[in-house]
């Protein structure tokens, strides 16, 4: 079958010309071809394999482009890359690979197109389109990847035990593609992942997290996380999450399965945010429930302090998986620690002071927090579901109203510590902290508006009770 119509961009005819001048064969391969056949948006990164030197081909292509784009050469890997229009184009020489058990880094030799397709992770990623003048656009499909695309199957070109043992990251990639494309992993391949799951331990945290992020950014991440769970990979990567899949019964009382609940929350939040860190917050929001789970006759099952402990666990997870320990981690911690606050508000009468405190504590992240808490409503009772969401609407309206009036989202005290020191001729001391805290509490409780004169008058009254006197100027 010929797919010439999908190769109309000028870059492909330039590559054809370059290959002809070098007297080598070349093909576009991998995700770009897969997405053409799936009628998905074409990827902006294109892989071109040369039966010969990929570096030489890239340099020749650059020569033939009028503005001679810069070629990045990676000699150690035998690859080169250039940017054309809005596309990143990578060139690599066809190769065959062999692996040693303790490493996922292969020993590489020059090879044929067949060798190169053999080393690919899945049949749907081994598809190649010819860029050679004689059969331009012709599909090369040695493993019947087209049929797998039609049947929505993830399958390895060779024995899956060899494919996954050689490069264990491919197990994560299989699950990621299943999640992104809504495909099924072929049965033997799925069993092979279970058998080879412990091989994942030679993969760096950064590589694992890269795949987790892609699963989280799919339209329904639970597909991927359930596959990670069923194959045993999730217990290696995030045992804190799998620990939630333990429902106990005491005296006829059970609690909900917080593992499946967490996955439902992630799915719920996806239509409302593309922020991967907010999706991480949804995934981890209940991780503190396994270690804080207790049962007593009066209250039944409790999880006291699970949000606070969950926040601490977030840091340990980020450290273990080599995730960023910066504002991104702090954001996820904050969301986990505060995850129940709006839900508590939505259950009771919504007071201005409670909303002020929520906005003060959440700051610029209050919208994200509300989005998380709305996703956290997974009750199957239609009346309860509607009641919660109606109450959340009230909370959101109150947030706007309170913020417009009291400006506590990015709180700045209307009277500063320096001014208080000057008024009473004090040096930095405990009294200054007490007065500043009292002003903040008075504003949050609605005793005074967030205005200078009101704060000044309040400080003067409070100071008088503390025995402090204004110094005359």
Protein backbone atom coordinates (compact mmCIF):
# COMPACT_ATOMS: atom_id res chain seq x y z
CA UNK A 1 0.00 0.00 0.00
CA UNK A 2 1.27 3.51 -0.79
CA UNK A 3 0.92 6.52 1.50
CA UNK A 4 2.54 9.15 -0.74
CA UNK A 5 -0.26 11.61 0.04
CA UNK A 6 0.89 11.81 3.68
CA UNK A 7 4.44 12.76 2.68
CA UNK A 8 3.63 15.99 0.84
CA UNK A 9 5.68 18.21 3.17
CA UNK A 10 8.73 19.49 1.31
CA UNK A 11 11.11 17.99 3.89
CA UNK A 12 10.43 14.45 2.64
CA UNK A 13 11.38 15.22 -0.97
CA UNK A 14 14.54 16.93 0.35
CA UNK A 15 15.43 13.79 2.32
CA UNK A 16 14.79 11.70 -0.80
CA UNK A 17 17.15 13.91 -2.82
CA UNK A 18 19.83 13.78 -0.09
CA UNK A 19 19.63 9.97 0.12
CA UNK A 20 19.89 9.70 -3.65
CA UNK A 21 23.05 11.86 -3.69
CA UNK A 22 24.59 9.70 -0.93
CA UNK A 23 23.39 6.51 -2.64
CA UNK A 24 21.70 5.16 0.52
CA UNK A 25 18.19 3.98 1.40
CA UNK A 26 16.08 5.82 3.95
CA UNK A 27 12.67 5.49 5.58
CA UNK A 28 10.42 7.43 7.93
CA UNK A 29 9.59 5.09 10.81
CA UNK A 30 7.82 4.83 14.14
CA UNK A 31 5.24 7.12 15.73
CA UNK A 32 4.79 9.42 12.74
CA UNK A 33 3.79 6.48 10.54
CA UNK A 34 1.60 4.94 13.25
CA UNK A 35 -0.31 8.19 13.71
CA UNK A 36 -0.83 8.59 9.95
CA UNK A 37 -2.52 5.19 9.86
CA UNK A 38 -4.59 6.02 12.94
CA UNK A 39 -5.66 9.38 11.47
CA UNK A 40 -4.32 11.08 14.58
CA UNK A 41 -2.66 14.49 14.54
CA UNK A 42 0.76 13.90 13.02
CA UNK A 43 3.58 14.02 15.52
CA UNK A 44 5.93 17.00 15.31
CA UNK A 45 8.93 14.75 15.83
CA UNK A 46 9.87 12.56 12.90
CA UNK A 47 12.29 9.62 12.96
CA UNK A 48 14.18 8.81 9.78
CA UNK A 49 16.29 5.68 9.53
CA UNK A 50 19.08 5.47 6.96
CA UNK A 51 20.62 2.22 5.78
CA UNK A 52 24.00 3.87 6.18
CA UNK A 53 25.06 6.93 8.17
CA UNK A 54 22.21 8.88 9.70
CA UNK A 55 24.63 11.70 10.54
CA UNK A 56 25.79 12.02 6.91
CA UNK A 57 22.16 12.06 5.75
CA UNK A 58 21.25 14.83 8.22
CA UNK A 59 24.20 16.97 7.11
CA UNK A 60 23.31 16.48 3.44
CA UNK A 61 19.64 17.38 4.13
CA UNK A 62 20.77 20.59 5.85
CA UNK A 63 22.88 21.48 2.79
CA UNK A 64 19.84 21.13 0.54
CA UNK A 65 17.60 23.36 2.69
CA UNK A 66 18.06 27.03 1.67
CA UNK A 67 18.66 28.38 5.21
CA UNK A 68 20.90 25.41 6.18
CA UNK A 69 19.40 24.62 9.59
CA UNK A 70 21.85 23.71 12.34
CA UNK A 71 22.46 19.97 12.72
CA UNK A 72 22.94 18.62 16.23
CA UNK A 73 25.20 15.59 16.04
CA UNK A 74 25.32 12.90 18.74
CA UNK A 75 28.31 10.84 17.66
CA UNK A 76 28.15 8.41 20.58
CA UNK A 77 24.64 7.40 19.51
CA UNK A 78 25.16 7.69 15.76
CA UNK A 79 22.25 10.12 15.52
CA UNK A 80 21.69 13.68 14.35
CA UNK A 81 18.79 16.10 14.60
CA UNK A 82 17.64 19.24 12.82
CA UNK A 83 14.59 21.45 13.04
CA UNK A 84 12.54 22.19 9.92
CA UNK A 85 9.53 24.51 10.20
CA UNK A 86 7.83 23.26 13.39
CA UNK A 87 9.18 19.71 13.20
CA UNK A 88 12.11 18.03 14.98
CA UNK A 89 13.63 15.50 12.60
CA UNK A 90 15.98 12.83 13.94
CA UNK A 91 18.23 10.78 11.68
CA UNK A 92 19.72 7.46 12.72
CA UNK A 93 21.57 4.73 10.90
CA UNK A 94 19.81 1.35 10.71
CA UNK A 95 21.21 -0.85 13.44
CA UNK A 96 20.93 -4.09 15.30
CA UNK A 97 21.27 -4.29 19.04
CA UNK A 98 22.32 -6.79 21.69
CA UNK A 99 21.87 -6.33 25.42
CA UNK A 100 23.61 -7.36 28.64
CA UNK A 101 21.39 -8.43 31.51
CA UNK A 102 22.40 -5.72 33.99
CA UNK A 103 21.86 -2.78 31.62
CA UNK A 104 19.29 -1.41 29.19
CA UNK A 105 22.06 0.19 27.12
CA UNK A 106 22.57 -1.95 24.02
CA UNK A 107 25.69 -2.91 22.12
CA UNK A 108 24.99 -1.40 18.70
CA UNK A 109 26.14 -2.52 15.25
CA UNK A 110 25.28 -1.26 11.79
CA UNK A 111 22.37 -3.19 10.32
CA UNK A 112 19.69 -3.45 7.68
CA UNK A 113 16.18 -2.01 7.72
CA UNK A 114 15.00 -5.47 8.83
CA UNK A 115 17.45 -5.41 11.77
CA UNK A 116 16.19 -1.96 12.72
CA UNK A 117 12.55 -3.00 12.62
CA UNK A 118 13.36 -6.12 14.69
CA UNK A 119 14.74 -3.95 17.50
CA UNK A 120 11.57 -1.79 17.72
CA UNK A 121 9.40 -2.10 20.81
CA UNK A 122 6.00 -2.83 19.21
CA UNK A 123 4.67 -3.88 15.83
CA UNK A 124 2.72 -0.61 15.55
CA UNK A 125 5.99 1.32 16.00
CA UNK A 126 7.94 -0.79 13.50
CA UNK A 127 5.98 0.49 10.50
CA UNK A 128 8.11 2.32 7.92
CA UNK A 129 7.37 4.41 4.83
CA UNK A 130 9.93 4.46 2.04
CA UNK A 131 11.51 7.80 1.16
CA UNK A 132 13.39 6.28 -1.76
CA UNK A 133 12.70 7.60 -5.25
CA UNK A 134 11.77 4.17 -6.69
CA UNK A 135 9.00 3.32 -4.21
CA UNK A 136 8.36 6.61 -2.38
CA UNK A 137 5.52 6.27 0.19
CA UNK A 138 5.41 2.48 0.13
CA UNK A 139 4.67 0.83 3.49
CA UNK A 140 7.14 -1.69 4.92
CA UNK A 141 5.28 -3.77 7.53
CA UNK A 142 7.11 -7.04 8.32
CA UNK A 143 5.15 -7.82 11.53
CA UNK A 144 1.62 -7.06 10.31
CA UNK A 145 1.47 -3.93 12.45
CA UNK A 146 -1.39 -2.58 10.33
CA UNK A 147 -3.61 -5.45 11.47
CA UNK A 148 -2.62 -4.74 15.09
CA UNK A 149 -3.59 -1.10 14.57
CA UNK A 150 -6.97 -2.18 13.18
CA UNK A 151 -7.52 -4.58 16.09
CA UNK A 152 -6.17 -2.08 18.64
CA UNK A 153 -3.49 -4.45 19.91
CA UNK A 154 -0.08 -3.75 21.49
CA UNK A 155 2.28 -6.58 20.51
CA UNK A 156 6.07 -6.95 20.39
CA UNK A 157 7.77 -7.81 17.06
CA UNK A 158 9.83 -10.60 18.66
CA UNK A 159 9.48 -12.78 21.76
CA UNK A 160 8.12 -10.39 24.44
CA UNK A 161 10.38 -11.88 27.13
CA UNK A 162 13.39 -10.83 25.07
CA UNK A 163 11.92 -7.40 24.21
CA UNK A 164 11.04 -6.56 27.84
CA UNK A 165 14.07 -8.10 29.49
CA UNK A 166 16.42 -6.31 27.05
CA UNK A 167 14.87 -2.92 27.78
CA UNK A 168 12.45 -3.02 30.75
CA UNK A 169 11.26 0.52 30.04
CA UNK A 170 9.31 -1.02 27.16
CA UNK A 171 6.93 -2.52 29.74
CA UNK A 172 6.02 1.01 30.82
CA UNK A 173 5.77 2.11 27.19
CA UNK A 174 3.38 -0.76 26.39
CA UNK A 175 1.08 0.37 29.18
CA UNK A 176 1.45 4.02 28.21
CA UNK A 177 0.42 3.30 24.60
CA UNK A 178 -2.52 1.21 25.83
CA UNK A 179 -3.61 4.19 27.95
CA UNK A 180 -3.05 6.84 25.27
CA UNK A 181 -4.56 4.89 22.36
CA UNK A 182 -7.15 2.85 24.31
CA UNK A 183 -5.53 -0.32 22.92
CA UNK A 184 -5.24 -3.73 24.60
CA UNK A 185 -1.90 -5.40 25.32
CA UNK A 186 -1.77 -8.80 23.64
CA UNK A 187 -2.20 -11.61 26.22
CA UNK A 188 1.27 -13.17 25.91
CA UNK A 189 2.83 -9.74 26.04
CA UNK A 190 0.86 -8.85 29.19
CA UNK A 191 1.91 -12.10 30.87
CA UNK A 192 5.52 -11.34 29.91
CA UNK A 193 5.31 -7.96 31.66
CA UNK A 194 4.16 -9.76 34.82
CA UNK A 195 7.08 -12.21 34.53
CA UNK A 196 9.64 -9.49 33.90
CA UNK A 197 8.31 -6.81 36.26
CA UNK A 198 11.34 -6.95 38.59
CA UNK A 199 13.59 -5.96 35.67
CA UNK A 200 12.12 -2.46 36.03
CA UNK A 201 14.52 -1.92 38.94
CA UNK A 202 17.40 -1.21 36.53
CA UNK A 203 15.46 1.76 35.08
CA UNK A 204 16.09 5.25 36.46
CA UNK A 205 13.34 7.10 38.30
CA UNK A 206 13.47 9.89 35.72
CA UNK A 207 12.63 7.48 32.85
CA UNK A 208 9.83 5.86 34.85
CA UNK A 209 8.32 9.24 35.76
CA UNK A 210 8.47 10.35 32.12
CA UNK A 211 6.19 7.41 31.24
CA UNK A 212 3.97 7.98 34.30
CA UNK A 213 3.50 11.61 33.25
CA UNK A 214 2.42 10.49 29.77
CA UNK A 215 -0.05 8.02 31.29
CA UNK A 216 -1.39 10.78 33.56
CA UNK A 217 -1.77 13.08 30.55
CA UNK A 218 -3.87 10.53 28.62
CA UNK A 219 -7.63 11.12 28.50
CA UNK A 220 -8.37 8.24 30.91
CA UNK A 221 -5.28 7.53 33.08
CA UNK A 222 -7.02 4.76 35.03
CA UNK A 223 -6.52 2.46 32.02
CA UNK A 224 -2.76 2.74 32.44
CA UNK A 225 -2.71 2.63 36.23
CA UNK A 226 -4.92 -0.47 36.35
CA UNK A 227 -2.53 -2.20 33.93
CA UNK A 228 0.43 -1.10 36.06
CA UNK A 229 -1.38 -2.58 39.06
CA UNK A 230 -2.39 -5.86 37.38
CA UNK A 231 1.15 -6.49 36.10
CA UNK A 232 2.77 -5.79 39.49
CA UNK A 233 4.69 -2.74 38.22
CA UNK A 234 2.74 -0.26 40.34
CA UNK A 235 3.73 -2.06 43.54
CA UNK A 236 7.38 -1.46 42.56
CA UNK A 237 6.87 2.18 41.53
CA UNK A 238 4.19 3.49 43.93
CA UNK A 239 3.59 1.03 46.80
CA UNK A 240 1.92 3.90 48.69
CA UNK A 241 -0.85 3.82 46.10
CA UNK A 242 -1.32 0.05 45.97
CA UNK A 243 -1.50 0.00 49.79
CA UNK A 244 -4.89 1.71 49.39
CA UNK A 245 -6.31 -1.40 47.70
CA UNK A 246 -7.13 -3.06 51.00
CA UNK A 247 -10.73 -2.97 52.19
CA UNK A 248 -11.26 -4.25 55.75
CA UNK A 249 -14.43 -5.19 57.57
CA UNK A 250 -14.91 -4.94 61.32
CA UNK A 251 -18.25 -5.72 62.98
CA UNK A 252 -19.97 -5.46 59.61
CA UNK A 253 -18.47 -2.03 58.86
CA UNK A 254 -16.35 -1.55 55.75
CA UNK A 255 -14.74 1.52 54.18
CA UNK A 256 -14.54 2.39 50.48
CA UNK A 257 -11.68 1.14 48.33
CA UNK A 258 -9.45 4.19 48.25
CA UNK A 259 -7.26 2.79 45.45
CA UNK A 260 -10.08 2.60 42.91
CA UNK A 261 -11.48 5.85 44.29
CA UNK A 262 -8.15 7.60 43.60
CA UNK A 263 -8.13 6.37 40.00
CA UNK A 264 -11.70 7.60 39.57
CA UNK A 265 -10.71 11.03 40.89
CA UNK A 266 -7.85 11.22 38.36
CA UNK A 267 -10.24 10.34 35.52
CA UNK A 268 -12.74 12.92 36.83
CA UNK A 269 -10.19 15.74 36.89
CA UNK A 270 -8.81 15.15 33.38
CA UNK A 271 -11.53 16.99 31.40
CA UNK A 272 -10.92 20.06 33.60
CA UNK A 273 -7.13 20.38 33.62
CA UNK A 274 -4.05 19.67 31.51
CA UNK A 275 -1.76 20.45 34.46
CA UNK A 276 0.17 17.23 35.09
CA UNK A 277 0.95 18.27 38.69
CA UNK A 278 -2.73 18.77 39.49
CA UNK A 279 -3.32 15.29 38.03
CA UNK A 280 -0.53 13.99 40.30
CA UNK A 281 -2.34 15.66 43.20
CA UNK A 282 -5.52 13.78 42.30
CA UNK A 283 -3.61 10.49 42.12
CA UNK A 284 -1.91 10.96 45.50
CA UNK A 285 -4.57 12.89 47.44
CA UNK A 286 -5.54 9.89 49.63
CA UNK A 287 -2.16 8.13 50.07
CA UNK A 288 -2.14 9.00 53.78
CA UNK A 289 -5.26 6.90 54.36
CA UNK A 290 -3.57 3.49 54.47
CA UNK A 291 -1.22 4.30 57.39
CA UNK A 292 -3.83 6.36 59.32
CA UNK A 293 -6.72 3.89 59.02
CA UNK A 294 -8.31 3.07 62.41
CA UNK A 295 -11.60 1.57 63.61
CA UNK A 296 -13.56 2.40 66.73
CA UNK A 297 -17.15 1.60 67.69
CA UNK A 298 -18.27 5.20 68.05
CA UNK A 299 -16.97 6.61 64.76
CA UNK A 300 -16.43 3.51 62.64
CA UNK A 301 -13.50 3.78 60.22
CA UNK A 302 -11.41 6.94 60.55
CA UNK A 303 -8.40 8.36 58.72
CA UNK A 304 -7.47 11.21 61.08
CA UNK A 305 -4.64 13.38 59.82
CA UNK A 306 -4.32 11.52 56.52
CA UNK A 307 -3.95 14.75 54.54
CA UNK A 308 -1.04 15.98 56.65
CA UNK A 309 0.72 12.60 56.55
CA UNK A 310 -0.03 12.35 52.82
CA UNK A 311 1.79 15.65 52.29
CA UNK A 312 4.88 14.19 53.97
CA UNK A 313 4.62 11.03 51.86
CA UNK A 314 4.53 13.15 48.68
CA UNK A 315 8.04 14.42 49.41
CA UNK A 316 9.36 10.88 49.94
CA UNK A 317 7.82 9.74 46.65
CA UNK A 318 9.30 12.67 44.76
CA UNK A 319 12.72 11.99 46.30
CA UNK A 320 12.61 8.26 45.53
CA UNK A 321 11.56 8.73 41.90
CA UNK A 322 13.96 11.65 41.33
CA UNK A 323 11.09 14.03 40.60
CA UNK A 324 11.56 17.81 40.91
CA UNK A 325 11.90 18.88 44.56
CA UNK A 326 10.92 22.47 43.80
CA UNK A 327 7.67 24.44 43.55
CA UNK A 328 6.07 21.53 41.64
CA UNK A 329 6.49 19.16 44.59
CA UNK A 330 5.35 21.89 47.00
CA UNK A 331 2.23 22.42 44.88
CA UNK A 332 1.34 18.69 45.02
CA UNK A 333 2.00 18.65 48.78
CA UNK A 334 -0.23 21.68 49.26
CA UNK A 335 -3.06 20.14 47.23
CA UNK A 336 -2.84 16.84 49.16
CA UNK A 337 -2.72 18.59 52.57
CA UNK A 338 -5.68 20.84 51.70
CA UNK A 339 -7.66 18.27 49.69
CA UNK A 340 -10.50 17.91 52.23
CA UNK A 341 -10.94 21.58 53.12
CA UNK A 342 -13.49 22.62 50.46
CA UNK A 343 -15.35 19.32 50.93
CA UNK A 344 -15.84 20.15 54.63
CA UNK A 345 -17.04 23.63 53.62
CA UNK A 346 -19.51 22.13 51.16
CA UNK A 347 -21.07 19.98 53.88
CA UNK A 348 -21.82 22.81 56.31
CA UNK A 349 -23.21 26.33 56.18
CA UNK A 350 -20.64 28.29 54.20
CA UNK A 351 -19.49 31.21 56.35
CA UNK A 352 -17.48 34.15 55.06
CA UNK A 353 -14.74 33.56 57.62
CA UNK A 354 -14.33 29.90 56.57
CA UNK A 355 -14.05 30.95 52.91
CA UNK A 356 -11.56 33.72 53.81
CA UNK A 357 -9.39 31.14 55.58
CA UNK A 358 -9.60 28.77 52.61
CA UNK A 359 -8.55 31.52 50.19
CA UNK A 360 -5.82 32.72 52.55
CA UNK A 361 -4.32 29.25 52.94
CA UNK A 362 -4.70 28.20 49.29
CA UNK A 363 -3.65 31.58 47.87
CA UNK A 364 -3.19 31.55 44.09
CA UNK A 365 -3.95 27.80 44.03
CA UNK A 366 -7.53 28.06 45.29
CA UNK A 367 -9.02 27.39 41.81
CA UNK A 368 -6.88 24.27 41.42
CA UNK A 369 -7.94 23.11 44.88
CA UNK A 370 -11.63 23.54 44.02
CA UNK A 371 -11.11 21.61 40.76
CA UNK A 372 -9.48 18.76 42.72
CA UNK A 373 -12.25 18.66 45.31
CA UNK A 374 -15.01 18.61 42.72
CA UNK A 375 -13.27 15.64 41.06
CA UNK A 376 -13.13 13.97 44.49
CA UNK A 377 -16.92 13.59 44.60
CA UNK A 378 -17.36 10.00 43.42
CA UNK A 379 -20.59 9.08 45.19
CA UNK A 380 -23.00 7.04 43.06
CA UNK A 381 -25.98 8.50 44.93
CA UNK A 382 -27.45 11.10 42.49
CA UNK A 383 -28.97 13.24 45.28
CA UNK A 384 -25.71 13.36 47.25
CA UNK A 385 -23.73 14.08 44.09
CA UNK A 386 -25.99 16.97 43.15
CA UNK A 387 -26.02 18.34 46.70
CA UNK A 388 -22.21 18.42 46.86
CA UNK A 389 -21.89 20.13 43.50
CA UNK A 390 -24.58 22.68 44.35
CA UNK A 391 -22.71 23.47 47.57
CA UNK A 392 -19.42 23.76 45.68
CA UNK A 393 -21.10 26.30 43.42
CA UNK A 394 -22.00 28.31 46.53
CA UNK A 395 -18.41 28.03 47.81
CA UNK A 396 -17.07 29.27 44.45
CA UNK A 397 -19.46 32.23 44.48
CA UNK A 398 -18.42 33.05 48.05
CA UNK A 399 -14.74 32.89 47.05
CA UNK A 400 -15.31 35.53 44.36
CA UNK A 401 -17.39 37.70 46.70
CA UNK A 402 -14.95 37.49 49.64
CA UNK A 403 -11.90 37.99 47.42
CA UNK A 404 -13.35 41.12 45.80
CA UNK A 405 -14.13 42.58 49.21
CA UNK A 406 -11.24 41.39 51.41
CA UNK A 407 -8.35 40.68 48.98
CA UNK A 408 -6.91 37.77 51.02
CA UNK A 409 -5.76 35.58 48.10
CA UNK A 410 -2.32 37.21 48.13
CA UNK A 411 -2.55 38.58 51.64
CA UNK A 412 -0.50 41.64 52.58
CA UNK A 413 -1.15 43.06 56.05
CA UNK A 414 -2.60 46.58 55.78
CA UNK A 415 -0.29 47.64 58.61
CA UNK A 416 3.29 46.33 58.64
CA UNK A 417 5.54 45.18 61.46
CA UNK A 418 7.86 48.13 60.75
CA UNK A 419 5.00 50.60 61.21
CA UNK A 420 3.98 48.95 64.50
CA UNK A 421 7.59 49.19 65.76
CA UNK A 422 7.67 52.88 64.84
CA UNK A 423 4.30 53.67 66.48
CA UNK A 424 5.34 52.11 69.81
CA UNK A 425 9.12 52.65 69.52
CA UNK A 426 9.77 48.91 69.76
CA UNK A 427 12.58 46.72 68.49
CA UNK A 428 11.75 43.36 66.84
CA UNK A 429 10.02 41.40 69.59
CA UNK A 430 7.29 38.92 70.47
CA UNK A 431 4.79 41.77 70.87
CA UNK A 432 5.14 42.76 67.21
CA UNK A 433 4.36 39.18 66.13
CA UNK A 434 1.34 39.06 68.45
CA UNK A 435 -0.08 42.29 67.03
CA UNK A 436 0.50 41.27 63.40
CA UNK A 437 -1.14 37.87 64.00
CA UNK A 438 -4.09 39.53 65.75
CA UNK A 439 -4.66 41.84 62.75
CA UNK A 440 -4.54 38.88 60.35
CA UNK A 441 -7.01 36.86 62.47
CA UNK A 442 -9.36 39.83 62.80
CA UNK A 443 -9.46 40.25 59.02
CA UNK A 444 -9.97 36.52 58.39
CA UNK A 445 -12.74 36.36 60.99
CA UNK A 446 -14.42 39.40 59.46
CA UNK A 447 -14.06 41.53 62.61
CA UNK A 448 -12.40 44.30 60.58
CA UNK A 449 -12.12 44.99 56.83
CA UNK A 450 -8.77 44.56 55.09
CA UNK A 451 -8.07 48.31 55.20
CA UNK A 452 -5.35 50.45 56.77
CA UNK A 453 -7.45 52.65 59.07
CA UNK A 454 -9.44 49.72 60.44
CA UNK A 455 -6.22 47.77 61.05
CA UNK A 456 -4.58 50.82 62.71
CA UNK A 457 -7.52 51.35 65.08
CA UNK A 458 -7.55 47.63 65.91
CA UNK A 459 -3.80 47.65 66.69
CA UNK A 460 -4.18 50.66 68.98
CA UNK A 461 -6.94 48.93 71.01
CA UNK A 462 -5.06 45.64 71.17
CA UNK A 463 -1.81 47.39 72.15
CA UNK A 464 -3.54 49.24 74.95
CA UNK A 465 -4.72 45.93 76.44
CA UNK A 466 -1.12 44.69 76.22
CA UNK A 467 0.15 47.74 78.07
CA UNK A 468 1.84 49.34 75.06
CA UNK A 469 1.66 53.09 74.47
CA UNK A 470 2.00 55.15 71.38
CA UNK A 471 5.14 57.24 71.29
CA UNK A 472 4.51 60.93 70.60
CA UNK A 473 6.47 62.37 67.69
